[in-house]
Amino acid sequence: GHLLGWHRLLRQHRRDGILPDVPSSLEQLLLQHVD
């Protein structure tokens, strides 16, 4: 539900970007910080 709500706001405010700009993939972040 949170993902859906956040994404709806992104569609409404199309000029806005997503910060921070994270170079690592989601999979890499989870592997790196899982513990």
Full PDB file with SEQRES, HELIX, SHEET, SSBOND, CRYST1, ORIGX, SCALE, CONECT and MASTER records, all heavy atoms in Angstrom:
SEQRES   1 A   35  GLY HIS LEU LEU GLY TRP HIS ARG LEU LEU ARG GLN HIS          
SEQRES   2 A   35  ARG ARG ASP GLY ILE LEU PRO ASP VAL PRO SER SER LEU          
SEQRES   3 A   35  GLU GLN LEU LEU LEU GLN HIS VAL ASP                          
HELIX    1 AA1 HIS A    2  GLN A   12  1                                  11    
HELIX    2 AA2 LEU A   26  HIS A   33  1                                   8    
CRYST1    1.000    1.000    1.000  90.00  90.00  90.00 P 1           1          
ORIGX1      1.000000  0.000000  0.000000        0.00000                         
ORIGX2      0.000000  1.000000  0.000000        0.00000                         
ORIGX3      0.000000  0.000000  1.000000        0.00000                         
SCALE1      1.000000  0.000000  0.000000        0.00000                         
SCALE2      0.000000  1.000000  0.000000        0.00000                         
SCALE3      0.000000  0.000000  1.000000        0.00000                         
ATOM      1  N   GLY A   1       0.810  -1.220   0.000  1.00  0.00           N  
ATOM      2  CA  GLY A   1       0.000   0.000   0.000  1.00  0.00           C  
ATOM      3  C   GLY A   1       0.839   1.263   0.000  1.00  0.00           C  
ATOM      4  O   GLY A   1       0.496   2.251  -0.645  1.00  0.00           O  
ATOM      5  N   HIS A   2       1.952   1.229   0.764  1.00  0.00           N  
ATOM      6  CA  HIS A   2       2.842   2.392   0.780  1.00  0.00           C  
ATOM      7  C   HIS A   2       3.484   2.612  -0.584  1.00  0.00           C  
ATOM      8  O   HIS A   2       3.578   3.743  -1.065  1.00  0.00           O  
ATOM      9  CB  HIS A   2       3.924   2.204   1.848  1.00  0.00           C  
ATOM     10  CG  HIS A   2       3.449   2.455   3.237  1.00  0.00           C  
ATOM     11  ND1 HIS A   2       2.703   1.535   3.957  1.00  0.00           N  
ATOM     12  CD2 HIS A   2       3.605   3.524   4.050  1.00  0.00           C  
ATOM     13  CE1 HIS A   2       2.424   2.030   5.152  1.00  0.00           C  
ATOM     14  NE2 HIS A   2       2.958   3.231   5.241  1.00  0.00           N  
ATOM     15  N   LEU A   3       3.946   1.520  -1.207  1.00  0.00           N  
ATOM     16  CA  LEU A   3       4.548   1.642  -2.536  1.00  0.00           C  
ATOM     17  C   LEU A   3       3.552   2.235  -3.523  1.00  0.00           C  
ATOM     18  O   LEU A   3       3.887   3.130  -4.304  1.00  0.00           O  
ATOM     19  CB  LEU A   3       5.012   0.264  -3.020  1.00  0.00           C  
ATOM     20  CG  LEU A   3       5.615   0.243  -4.428  1.00  0.00           C  
ATOM     21  CD1 LEU A   3       6.980   0.912  -4.432  1.00  0.00           C  
ATOM     22  CD2 LEU A   3       5.721  -1.187  -4.949  1.00  0.00           C  
ATOM     23  N   LEU A   4       2.314   1.765  -3.465  1.00  0.00           N  
ATOM     24  CA  LEU A   4       1.284   2.244  -4.379  1.00  0.00           C  
ATOM     25  C   LEU A   4       1.011   3.733  -4.155  1.00  0.00           C  
ATOM     26  O   LEU A   4       0.880   4.515  -5.110  1.00  0.00           O  
ATOM     27  CB  LEU A   4       0.005   1.421  -4.178  1.00  0.00           C  
ATOM     28  CG  LEU A   4      -1.099   1.562  -5.222  1.00  0.00           C  
ATOM     29  CD1 LEU A   4      -0.615   1.077  -6.576  1.00  0.00           C  
ATOM     30  CD2 LEU A   4      -2.339   0.770  -4.790  1.00  0.00           C  
ATOM     31  N   GLY A   5       0.920   4.146  -2.890  1.00  0.00           N  
ATOM     32  CA  GLY A   5       0.663   5.549  -2.581  1.00  0.00           C  
ATOM     33  C   GLY A   5       1.795   6.457  -3.005  1.00  0.00           C  
ATOM     34  O   GLY A   5       1.578   7.533  -3.569  1.00  0.00           O  
ATOM     35  N   TRP A   6       3.036   6.034  -2.740  1.00  0.00           N  
ATOM     36  CA  TRP A   6       4.190   6.836  -3.146  1.00  0.00           C  
ATOM     37  C   TRP A   6       4.243   6.973  -4.667  1.00  0.00           C  
ATOM     38  O   TRP A   6       4.540   8.043  -5.200  1.00  0.00           O  
ATOM     39  CB  TRP A   6       5.480   6.183  -2.647  1.00  0.00           C  
ATOM     40  CG  TRP A   6       5.631   6.190  -1.155  1.00  0.00           C  
ATOM     41  CD1 TRP A   6       5.070   7.071  -0.279  1.00  0.00           C  
ATOM     42  CD2 TRP A   6       6.370   5.261  -0.372  1.00  0.00           C  
ATOM     43  NE1 TRP A   6       5.417   6.757   1.013  1.00  0.00           N  
ATOM     44  CE2 TRP A   6       6.226   5.648   0.988  1.00  0.00           C  
ATOM     45  CE3 TRP A   6       7.154   4.146  -0.669  1.00  0.00           C  
ATOM     46  CZ2 TRP A   6       6.831   4.953   2.038  1.00  0.00           C  
ATOM     47  CZ3 TRP A   6       7.763   3.457   0.378  1.00  0.00           C  
ATOM     48  CH2 TRP A   6       7.601   3.855   1.705  1.00  0.00           C  
ATOM     49  N   HIS A   7       3.960   5.872  -5.345  1.00  0.00           N  
ATOM     50  CA  HIS A   7       4.025   5.903  -6.806  1.00  0.00           C  
ATOM     51  C   HIS A   7       2.934   6.800  -7.384  1.00  0.00           C  
ATOM     52  O   HIS A   7       3.143   7.484  -8.384  1.00  0.00           O  
ATOM     53  CB  HIS A   7       3.891   4.484  -7.369  1.00  0.00           C  
ATOM     54  CG  HIS A   7       4.176   4.402  -8.822  1.00  0.00           C  
ATOM     55  ND1 HIS A   7       3.201   4.531  -9.778  1.00  0.00           N  
ATOM     56  CD2 HIS A   7       5.349   4.240  -9.500  1.00  0.00           C  
ATOM     57  CE1 HIS A   7       3.745   4.435 -10.975  1.00  0.00           C  
ATOM     58  NE2 HIS A   7       5.044   4.255 -10.837  1.00  0.00           N  
ATOM     59  N   ARG A   8       1.775   6.827  -6.755  1.00  0.00           N  
ATOM     60  CA  ARG A   8       0.690   7.711  -7.222  1.00  0.00           C  
ATOM     61  C   ARG A   8       1.121   9.172  -7.123  1.00  0.00           C  
ATOM     62  O   ARG A   8       0.848   9.984  -8.011  1.00  0.00           O  
ATOM     63  CB  ARG A   8      -0.571   7.463  -6.409  1.00  0.00           C  
ATOM     64  CG  ARG A   8      -1.802   8.197  -6.945  1.00  0.00           C  
ATOM     65  CD  ARG A   8      -3.049   7.843  -6.161  1.00  0.00           C  
ATOM     66  NE  ARG A   8      -3.437   6.453  -6.359  1.00  0.00           N  
ATOM     67  CZ  ARG A   8      -3.411   5.520  -5.411  1.00  0.00           C  
ATOM     68  NH1 ARG A   8      -3.011   5.836  -4.179  1.00  0.00           N  
ATOM     69  NH2 ARG A   8      -3.784   4.289  -5.663  1.00  0.00           N  
ATOM     70  N   LEU A   9       1.828   9.515  -6.052  1.00  0.00           N  
ATOM     71  CA  LEU A   9       2.335  10.887  -5.912  1.00  0.00           C  
ATOM     72  C   LEU A   9       3.354  11.206  -6.999  1.00  0.00           C  
ATOM     73  O   LEU A   9       3.385  12.323  -7.527  1.00  0.00           O  
ATOM     74  CB  LEU A   9       2.973  11.065  -4.530  1.00  0.00           C  
ATOM     75  CG  LEU A   9       2.012  11.165  -3.349  1.00  0.00           C  
ATOM     76  CD1 LEU A   9       2.783  11.191  -2.037  1.00  0.00           C  
ATOM     77  CD2 LEU A   9       1.126  12.395  -3.472  1.00  0.00           C  
ATOM     78  N   LEU A  10       4.202  10.236  -7.335  1.00  0.00           N  
ATOM     79  CA  LEU A  10       5.174  10.453  -8.406  1.00  0.00           C  
ATOM     80  C   LEU A  10       4.487  10.734  -9.730  1.00  0.00           C  
ATOM     81  O   LEU A  10       4.922  11.590 -10.509  1.00  0.00           O  
ATOM     82  CB  LEU A  10       6.072   9.220  -8.555  1.00  0.00           C  
ATOM     83  CG  LEU A  10       7.212   9.070  -7.556  1.00  0.00           C  
ATOM     84  CD1 LEU A  10       7.919   7.732  -7.777  1.00  0.00           C  
ATOM     85  CD2 LEU A  10       8.215  10.206  -7.703  1.00  0.00           C  
ATOM     86  N   ARG A  11       3.394  10.046 -10.001  1.00  0.00           N  
ATOM     87  CA  ARG A  11       2.684  10.262 -11.258  1.00  0.00           C  
ATOM     88  C   ARG A  11       1.996  11.618 -11.280  1.00  0.00           C  
ATOM     89  O   ARG A  11       1.839  12.232 -12.334  1.00  0.00           O  
ATOM     90  CB  ARG A  11       1.654   9.150 -11.492  1.00  0.00           C  
ATOM     91  CG  ARG A  11       2.261   7.772 -11.538  1.00  0.00           C  
ATOM     92  CD  ARG A  11       1.419   6.777 -12.314  1.00  0.00           C  
ATOM     93  NE  ARG A  11       0.010   6.775 -12.022  1.00  0.00           N  
ATOM     94  CZ  ARG A  11      -0.566   6.042 -11.078  1.00  0.00           C  
ATOM     95  NH1 ARG A  11       0.183   5.265 -10.298  1.00  0.00           N  
ATOM     96  NH2 ARG A  11      -1.871   6.074 -10.900  1.00  0.00           N  
ATOM     97  N   GLN A  12       1.588  12.088 -10.117  1.00  0.00           N  
ATOM     98  CA  GLN A  12       0.921  13.396 -10.046  1.00  0.00           C  
ATOM     99  C   GLN A  12       1.915  14.540 -10.155  1.00  0.00           C  
ATOM    100  O   GLN A  12       1.566  15.622 -10.629  1.00  0.00           O  
ATOM    101  CB  GLN A  12       0.141  13.499  -8.726  1.00  0.00           C  
ATOM    102  CG  GLN A  12      -1.056  12.569  -8.653  1.00  0.00           C  
ATOM    103  CD  GLN A  12      -1.681  12.553  -7.273  1.00  0.00           C  
ATOM    104  OE1 GLN A  12      -1.133  13.121  -6.316  1.00  0.00           O  
ATOM    105  NE2 GLN A  12      -2.821  11.893  -7.126  1.00  0.00           N  
ATOM    106  N   HIS A  13       3.142  14.316  -9.707  1.00  0.00           N  
ATOM    107  CA  HIS A  13       4.168  15.363  -9.723  1.00  0.00           C  
ATOM    108  C   HIS A  13       5.307  14.889 -10.615  1.00  0.00           C  
ATOM    109  O   HIS A  13       6.380  14.501 -10.150  1.00  0.00           O  
ATOM    110  CB  HIS A  13       4.660  15.650  -8.299  1.00  0.00           C  
ATOM    111  CG  HIS A  13       3.566  16.091  -7.377  1.00  0.00           C  
ATOM    112  ND1 HIS A  13       3.112  17.380  -7.326  1.00  0.00           N  
ATOM    113  CD2 HIS A  13       2.804  15.393  -6.498  1.00  0.00           C  
ATOM    114  CE1 HIS A  13       2.134  17.477  -6.431  1.00  0.00           C  
ATOM    115  NE2 HIS A  13       1.926  16.287  -5.929  1.00  0.00           N  
ATOM    116  N   ARG A  14       5.058  14.959 -11.896  1.00  0.00           N  
ATOM    117  CA  ARG A  14       5.955  14.344 -12.868  1.00  0.00           C  
ATOM    118  C   ARG A  14       7.297  15.045 -12.975  1.00  0.00           C  
ATOM    119  O   ARG A  14       8.277  14.451 -13.406  1.00  0.00           O  
ATOM    120  CB  ARG A  14       5.269  14.320 -14.240  1.00  0.00           C  
ATOM    121  CG  ARG A  14       4.054  13.410 -14.272  1.00  0.00           C  
ATOM    122  CD  ARG A  14       3.077  13.818 -15.358  1.00  0.00           C  
ATOM    123  NE  ARG A  14       3.702  13.942 -16.646  1.00  0.00           N  
ATOM    124  CZ  ARG A  14       3.953  12.927 -17.464  1.00  0.00           C  
ATOM    125  NH1 ARG A  14       3.627  11.716 -17.110  1.00  0.00           N  
ATOM    126  NH2 ARG A  14       4.515  13.129 -18.635  1.00  0.00           N  
ATOM    127  N   ARG A  15       7.350  16.307 -12.605  1.00  0.00           N  
ATOM    128  CA  ARG A  15       8.634  17.027 -12.656  1.00  0.00           C  
ATOM    129  C   ARG A  15       9.570  16.538 -11.554  1.00  0.00           C  
ATOM    130  O   ARG A  15      10.792  16.594 -11.689  1.00  0.00           O  
ATOM    131  CB  ARG A  15       8.388  18.532 -12.516  1.00  0.00           C  
ATOM    132  CG  ARG A  15       9.662  19.352 -12.569  1.00  0.00           C  
ATOM    133  CD  ARG A  15       9.366  20.795 -12.260  1.00  0.00           C  
ATOM    134  NE  ARG A  15       8.798  21.484 -13.380  1.00  0.00           N  
ATOM    135  CZ  ARG A  15       9.499  22.123 -14.305  1.00  0.00           C  
ATOM    136  NH1 ARG A  15      10.812  22.101 -14.251  1.00  0.00           N  
ATOM    137  NH2 ARG A  15       8.912  22.760 -15.284  1.00  0.00           N  
ATOM    138  N   ASP A  16       9.008  16.065 -10.449  1.00  0.00           N  
ATOM    139  CA  ASP A  16       9.822  15.662  -9.308  1.00  0.00           C  
ATOM    140  C   ASP A  16      10.585  14.376  -9.603  1.00  0.00           C  
ATOM    141  O   ASP A  16      10.066  13.457 -10.249  1.00  0.00           O  
ATOM    142  CB  ASP A  16       8.944  15.454  -8.069  1.00  0.00           C  
ATOM    143  CG  ASP A  16       8.259  16.728  -7.632  1.00  0.00           C  
ATOM    144  OD1 ASP A  16       8.677  17.797  -8.104  1.00  0.00           O  
ATOM    145  OD2 ASP A  16       7.316  16.654  -6.821  1.00  0.00           O  
ATOM    146  N   GLY A  17      11.813  14.299  -9.119  1.00  0.00           N  
ATOM    147  CA  GLY A  17      12.606  13.083  -9.246  1.00  0.00           C  
ATOM    148  C   GLY A  17      12.649  12.332  -7.927  1.00  0.00           C  
ATOM    149  O   GLY A  17      12.060  12.742  -6.924  1.00  0.00           O  
ATOM    150  N   ILE A  18      13.333  11.205  -7.922  1.00  0.00           N  
ATOM    151  CA  ILE A  18      13.465  10.388  -6.721  1.00  0.00           C  
ATOM    152  C   ILE A  18      14.865  10.596  -6.165  1.00  0.00           C  
ATOM    153  O   ILE A  18      15.866  10.382  -6.850  1.00  0.00           O  
ATOM    154  CB  ILE A  18      13.243   8.897  -7.049  1.00  0.00           C  
ATOM    155  CG1 ILE A  18      11.825   8.679  -7.594  1.00  0.00           C  
ATOM    156  CG2 ILE A  18      13.459   8.032  -5.802  1.00  0.00           C  
ATOM    157  CD1 ILE A  18      11.578   7.271  -8.103  1.00  0.00           C  
ATOM    158  N   LEU A  19      14.922  11.055  -4.931  1.00  0.00           N  
ATOM    159  CA  LEU A  19      16.200  11.286  -4.262  1.00  0.00           C  
ATOM    160  C   LEU A  19      16.279  10.436  -3.005  1.00  0.00           C  
ATOM    161  O   LEU A  19      15.264  10.187  -2.354  1.00  0.00           O  
ATOM    162  CB  LEU A  19      16.346  12.774  -3.900  1.00  0.00           C  
ATOM    163  CG  LEU A  19      16.428  13.735  -5.086  1.00  0.00           C  
ATOM    164  CD1 LEU A  19      16.455  15.171  -4.584  1.00  0.00           C  
ATOM    165  CD2 LEU A  19      17.654  13.450  -5.939  1.00  0.00           C  
ATOM    166  N   PRO A  20      17.495   9.971  -2.652  1.00  0.00           N  
ATOM    167  CA  PRO A  20      18.762  10.194  -3.360  1.00  0.00           C  
ATOM    168  C   PRO A  20      18.876   9.318  -4.605  1.00  0.00           C  
ATOM    169  O   PRO A  20      18.160   8.328  -4.754  1.00  0.00           O  
ATOM    170  CB  PRO A  20      19.807   9.790  -2.317  1.00  0.00           C  
ATOM    171  CG  PRO A  20      19.124   8.751  -1.501  1.00  0.00           C  
ATOM    172  CD  PRO A  20      17.681   9.181  -1.420  1.00  0.00           C  
ATOM    173  N   ASP A  21      19.782   9.703  -5.486  1.00  0.00           N  
ATOM    174  CA  ASP A  21      20.062   8.913  -6.682  1.00  0.00           C  
ATOM    175  C   ASP A  21      21.032   7.801  -6.292  1.00  0.00           C  
ATOM    176  O   ASP A  21      22.219   8.034  -6.102  1.00  0.00           O  
ATOM    177  CB  ASP A  21      20.669   9.807  -7.757  1.00  0.00           C  
ATOM    178  CG  ASP A  21      20.914   9.058  -9.059  1.00  0.00           C  
ATOM    179  OD1 ASP A  21      20.432   7.920  -9.181  1.00  0.00           O  
ATOM    180  OD2 ASP A  21      21.582   9.612  -9.949  1.00  0.00           O  
ATOM    181  N   VAL A  22      20.514   6.582  -6.148  1.00  0.00           N  
ATOM    182  CA  VAL A  22      21.304   5.459  -5.626  1.00  0.00           C  
ATOM    183  C   VAL A  22      21.818   4.627  -6.790  1.00  0.00           C  
ATOM    184  O   VAL A  22      21.029   4.055  -7.544  1.00  0.00           O  
ATOM    185  CB  VAL A  22      20.446   4.588  -4.690  1.00  0.00           C  
ATOM    186  CG1 VAL A  22      21.297   3.468  -4.094  1.00  0.00           C  
ATOM    187  CG2 VAL A  22      19.832   5.435  -3.589  1.00  0.00           C  
ATOM    188  N   PRO A  23      23.155   4.514  -6.971  1.00  0.00           N  
ATOM    189  CA  PRO A  23      23.695   3.769  -8.120  1.00  0.00           C  
ATOM    190  C   PRO A  23      23.539   2.252  -7.995  1.00  0.00           C  
ATOM    191  O   PRO A  23      23.411   1.551  -8.994  1.00  0.00           O  
ATOM    192  CB  PRO A  23      25.168   4.173  -8.143  1.00  0.00           C  
ATOM    193  CG  PRO A  23      25.481   4.577  -6.742  1.00  0.00           C  
ATOM    194  CD  PRO A  23      24.229   5.161  -6.188  1.00  0.00           C  
ATOM    195  N   SER A  24      23.566   1.726  -6.766  1.00  0.00           N  
ATOM    196  CA  SER A  24      23.449   0.277  -6.576  1.00  0.00           C  
ATOM    197  C   SER A  24      22.026  -0.180  -6.821  1.00  0.00           C  
ATOM    198  O   SER A  24      21.058   0.551  -6.576  1.00  0.00           O  
ATOM    199  CB  SER A  24      23.871  -0.106  -5.153  1.00  0.00           C  
ATOM    200  OG  SER A  24      25.198   0.292  -4.900  1.00  0.00           O  
ATOM    201  N   SER A  25      21.882  -1.431  -7.269  1.00  0.00           N  
ATOM    202  CA  SER A  25      20.547  -1.991  -7.484  1.00  0.00           C  
ATOM    203  C   SER A  25      19.937  -2.370  -6.143  1.00  0.00           C  
ATOM    204  O   SER A  25      20.635  -2.475  -5.115  1.00  0.00           O  
ATOM    205  CB  SER A  25      20.627  -3.219  -8.381  1.00  0.00           C  
ATOM    206  OG  SER A  25      21.271  -4.290  -7.703  1.00  0.00           O  
ATOM    207  N   LEU A  26      18.630  -2.607  -6.142  1.00  0.00           N  
ATOM    208  CA  LEU A  26      17.942  -3.040  -4.925  1.00  0.00           C  
ATOM    209  C   LEU A  26      18.531  -4.354  -4.423  1.00  0.00           C  
ATOM    210  O   LEU A  26      18.750  -4.533  -3.215  1.00  0.00           O  
ATOM    211  CB  LEU A  26      16.445  -3.183  -5.214  1.00  0.00           C  
ATOM    212  CG  LEU A  26      15.570  -3.629  -4.039  1.00  0.00           C  
ATOM    213  CD1 LEU A  26      15.632  -2.622  -2.906  1.00  0.00           C  
ATOM    214  CD2 LEU A  26      14.125  -3.832  -4.503  1.00  0.00           C  
ATOM    215  N   GLU A  27      18.796  -5.271  -5.332  1.00  0.00           N  
ATOM    216  CA  GLU A  27      19.365  -6.572  -4.949  1.00  0.00           C  
ATOM    217  C   GLU A  27      20.726  -6.394  -4.290  1.00  0.00           C  
ATOM    218  O   GLU A  27      21.028  -7.018  -3.258  1.00  0.00           O  
ATOM    219  CB  GLU A  27      19.478  -7.458  -6.187  1.00  0.00           C  
ATOM    220  CG  GLU A  27      20.018  -8.857  -5.889  1.00  0.00           C  
ATOM    221  CD  GLU A  27      20.138  -9.700  -7.145  1.00  0.00           C  
ATOM    222  OE1 GLU A  27      20.050  -9.138  -8.246  1.00  0.00           O  
ATOM    223  OE2 GLU A  27      20.322 -10.929  -7.017  1.00  0.00           O  
ATOM    224  N   GLN A  28      21.562  -5.528  -4.853  1.00  0.00           N  
ATOM    225  CA  GLN A  28      22.896  -5.289  -4.286  1.00  0.00           C  
ATOM    226  C   GLN A  28      22.802  -4.668  -2.897  1.00  0.00           C  
ATOM    227  O   GLN A  28      23.556  -5.034  -1.987  1.00  0.00           O  
ATOM    228  CB  GLN A  28      23.696  -4.378  -5.213  1.00  0.00           C  
ATOM    229  CG  GLN A  28      24.109  -5.032  -6.522  1.00  0.00           C  
ATOM    230  CD  GLN A  28      24.697  -4.038  -7.506  1.00  0.00           C  
ATOM    231  OE1 GLN A  28      24.392  -2.838  -7.454  1.00  0.00           O  
ATOM    232  NE2 GLN A  28      25.531  -4.520  -8.420  1.00  0.00           N  
ATOM    233  N   LEU A  29      21.892  -3.717  -2.725  1.00  0.00           N  
ATOM    234  CA  LEU A  29      21.722  -3.075  -1.416  1.00  0.00           C  
ATOM    235  C   LEU A  29      21.303  -4.080  -0.354  1.00  0.00           C  
ATOM    236  O   LEU A  29      21.807  -4.062   0.780  1.00  0.00           O  
ATOM    237  CB  LEU A  29      20.689  -1.954  -1.522  1.00  0.00           C  
ATOM    238  CG  LEU A  29      21.114  -0.684  -2.264  1.00  0.00           C  
ATOM    239  CD1 LEU A  29      19.919   0.237  -2.459  1.00  0.00           C  
ATOM    240  CD2 LEU A  29      22.230   0.042  -1.517  1.00  0.00           C  
ATOM    241  N   LEU A  30      20.380  -4.962  -0.697  1.00  0.00           N  
ATOM    242  CA  LEU A  30      19.906  -5.953   0.272  1.00  0.00           C  
ATOM    243  C   LEU A  30      21.010  -6.940   0.639  1.00  0.00           C  
ATOM    244  O   LEU A  30      21.167  -7.302   1.819  1.00  0.00           O  
ATOM    245  CB  LEU A  30      18.696  -6.686  -0.297  1.00  0.00           C  
ATOM    246  CG  LEU A  30      17.402  -5.868  -0.375  1.00  0.00           C  
ATOM    247  CD1 LEU A  30      16.328  -6.610  -1.144  1.00  0.00           C  
ATOM    248  CD2 LEU A  30      16.900  -5.525   1.030  1.00  0.00           C  
ATOM    249  N   LEU A  31      21.783  -7.385  -0.350  1.00  0.00           N  
ATOM    250  CA  LEU A  31      22.883  -8.297  -0.072  1.00  0.00           C  
ATOM    251  C   LEU A  31      23.941  -7.632   0.795  1.00  0.00           C  
ATOM    252  O   LEU A  31      24.502  -8.243   1.716  1.00  0.00           O  
ATOM    253  CB  LEU A  31      23.511  -8.765  -1.389  1.00  0.00           C  
ATOM    254  CG  LEU A  31      22.721  -9.791  -2.198  1.00  0.00           C  
ATOM    255  CD1 LEU A  31      23.379 -10.023  -3.546  1.00  0.00           C  
ATOM    256  CD2 LEU A  31      22.619 -11.112  -1.427  1.00  0.00           C  
ATOM    257  N   GLN A  32      24.201  -6.359   0.538  1.00  0.00           N  
ATOM    258  CA  GLN A  32      25.259  -5.648   1.241  1.00  0.00           C  
ATOM    259  C   GLN A  32      24.890  -5.353   2.692  1.00  0.00           C  
ATOM    260  O   GLN A  32      25.753  -5.362   3.580  1.00  0.00           O  
ATOM    261  CB  GLN A  32      25.559  -4.342   0.498  1.00  0.00           C  
ATOM    262  CG  GLN A  32      26.697  -3.521   1.096  1.00  0.00           C  
ATOM    263  CD  GLN A  32      26.942  -2.245   0.295  1.00  0.00           C  
ATOM    264  OE1 GLN A  32      26.367  -2.035  -0.769  1.00  0.00           O  
ATOM    265  NE2 GLN A  32      27.799  -1.374   0.821  1.00  0.00           N  
ATOM    266  N   HIS A  33      23.607  -5.097   2.952  1.00  0.00           N  
ATOM    267  CA  HIS A  33      23.196  -4.627   4.283  1.00  0.00           C  
ATOM    268  C   HIS A  33      22.244  -5.583   4.995  1.00  0.00           C  
ATOM    269  O   HIS A  33      21.627  -5.198   5.985  1.00  0.00           O  
ATOM    270  CB  HIS A  33      22.523  -3.258   4.158  1.00  0.00           C  
ATOM    271  CG  HIS A  33      23.388  -2.210   3.542  1.00  0.00           C  
ATOM    272  ND1 HIS A  33      24.483  -1.665   4.179  1.00  0.00           N  
ATOM    273  CD2 HIS A  33      23.335  -1.609   2.317  1.00  0.00           C  
ATOM    274  CE1 HIS A  33      25.057  -0.758   3.394  1.00  0.00           C  
ATOM    275  NE2 HIS A  33      24.381  -0.716   2.261  1.00  0.00           N  
ATOM    276  N   VAL A  34      22.158  -6.820   4.548  1.00  0.00           N  
ATOM    277  CA  VAL A  34      21.162  -7.728   5.101  1.00  0.00           C  
ATOM    278  C   VAL A  34      21.351  -7.971   6.595  1.00  0.00           C  
ATOM    279  O   VAL A  34      20.383  -8.218   7.321  1.00  0.00           O  
ATOM    280  CB  VAL A  34      21.177  -9.069   4.319  1.00  0.00           C  
ATOM    281  CG1 VAL A  34      22.470  -9.840   4.581  1.00  0.00           C  
ATOM    282  CG2 VAL A  34      19.957  -9.921   4.673  1.00  0.00           C  
ATOM    283  N   ASP A  35      22.585  -7.866   7.084  1.00  0.00           N  
ATOM    284  CA  ASP A  35      22.854  -8.128   8.503  1.00  0.00           C  
ATOM    285  C   ASP A  35      22.975  -6.855   9.338  1.00  0.00           C  
ATOM    286  O   ASP A  35      23.413  -6.914  10.492  1.00  0.00           O  
ATOM    287  CB  ASP A  35      24.150  -8.945   8.642  1.00  0.00           C  
ATOM    288  CG  ASP A  35      23.996 -10.356   8.085  1.00  0.00           C  
ATOM    289  OD1 ASP A  35      22.921 -10.951   8.301  1.00  0.00           O  
ATOM    290  OD2 ASP A  35      24.935 -10.835   7.423  1.00  0.00           O  
TER     291      ASP A  35                                                      
MASTER        0    0    0    2    0    0    0    6  290    1    0    3          
END                                                                             
